[in-house]
Amino acid sequence: MTQGLIAIAAAITMAFSTFFPALAQGLTAKAAMESIARQPDAAKQIRSTLIISLALMEAMAIYGLLIAFMLVAKV
């Protein structure tokens, strides 16, 4: 029973840690492209901020993967 719950928790962790960062990355990229379209002169600054924020969002997805691996190791 406990092993089944841990497996379900790992699956939910993977689902959330892939869906929500991907959604956030898409919305962030959309906002950055709209900002660059409105102010082309600030494109360099917007692009560097975008890359940093995308890296932080991807780190959140990797942490979710790590937690899922730790849960699966307990099964």
Protein backbone atom coordinates (compact mmCIF):
# COMPACT_ATOMS: atom_id res chain seq x y z
CA MET A 1 0.00 0.00 0.00
CA THR A 2 2.73 2.45 0.97
CA GLN A 3 4.76 1.67 -2.15
CA GLY A 4 1.76 2.39 -4.34
CA LEU A 5 1.22 5.76 -2.68
CA ILE A 6 4.88 6.65 -3.12
CA ALA A 7 4.66 5.72 -6.82
CA ILE A 8 1.57 7.88 -7.24
CA ALA A 9 3.31 10.76 -5.44
CA ALA A 10 6.28 10.42 -7.81
CA ALA A 11 3.97 10.49 -10.81
CA ILE A 12 2.14 13.58 -9.56
CA THR A 13 5.45 15.27 -8.79
CA MET A 14 6.68 14.65 -12.31
CA ALA A 15 3.42 15.85 -13.83
CA PHE A 16 3.42 19.10 -11.88
CA SER A 17 7.14 19.73 -12.22
CA THR A 18 6.95 19.46 -16.00
CA PHE A 19 3.61 21.13 -16.71
CA PHE A 20 3.85 24.28 -14.62
CA PRO A 21 7.44 25.28 -15.53
CA ALA A 22 6.60 24.72 -19.21
CA LEU A 23 3.51 26.90 -18.87
CA ALA A 24 5.50 29.59 -17.07
CA GLN A 25 8.27 29.49 -19.68
CA GLY A 26 5.76 29.91 -22.48
CA LEU A 27 4.08 32.87 -20.81
CA THR A 28 7.45 34.45 -20.02
CA ALA A 29 8.68 34.08 -23.59
CA LYS A 30 5.41 35.54 -24.87
CA ALA A 31 5.75 38.55 -22.59
CA ALA A 32 9.38 39.04 -23.58
CA MET A 33 8.57 38.94 -27.28
CA GLU A 34 5.77 41.46 -26.79
CA SER A 35 8.14 43.70 -24.83
CA ILE A 36 10.78 43.51 -27.56
CA ALA A 37 8.14 44.32 -30.18
CA ARG A 38 7.08 47.40 -28.20
CA GLN A 39 10.61 48.57 -27.35
CA PRO A 40 13.20 47.23 -29.79
CA ASP A 41 15.90 49.38 -28.20
CA ALA A 42 15.64 47.43 -24.95
CA ALA A 43 15.91 44.03 -26.65
CA LYS A 44 19.36 43.23 -25.24
CA GLN A 45 18.32 43.87 -21.65
CA ILE A 46 15.01 42.02 -22.06
CA ARG A 47 16.75 39.04 -23.66
CA SER A 48 19.30 38.71 -20.84
CA THR A 49 16.56 38.92 -18.22
CA LEU A 50 14.56 36.33 -20.16
CA ILE A 51 17.46 33.88 -20.25
CA ILE A 52 18.06 34.20 -16.51
CA SER A 53 14.39 33.72 -15.68
CA LEU A 54 14.09 30.71 -18.02
CA ALA A 55 17.13 29.13 -16.35
CA LEU A 56 15.53 29.54 -12.92
CA MET A 57 12.28 28.01 -14.15
CA GLU A 58 14.16 25.08 -15.66
CA ALA A 59 15.93 24.59 -12.33
CA MET A 60 12.54 24.22 -10.69
CA ALA A 61 11.69 21.46 -13.16
CA ILE A 62 14.97 19.71 -12.43
CA TYR A 63 14.30 19.89 -8.68
CA GLY A 64 10.94 18.23 -9.30
CA LEU A 65 12.67 15.48 -11.25
CA LEU A 66 15.14 15.00 -8.40
CA ILE A 67 12.32 14.71 -5.86
CA ALA A 68 10.55 12.17 -8.08
CA PHE A 69 13.74 10.11 -8.32
CA MET A 70 14.09 10.21 -4.54
CA LEU A 71 10.49 9.01 -4.14
CA VAL A 72 10.97 6.22 -6.67
CA ALA A 73 14.12 5.09 -4.84
CA LYS A 74 11.95 4.46 -1.77
CA VAL A 75 9.66 2.07 -3.68
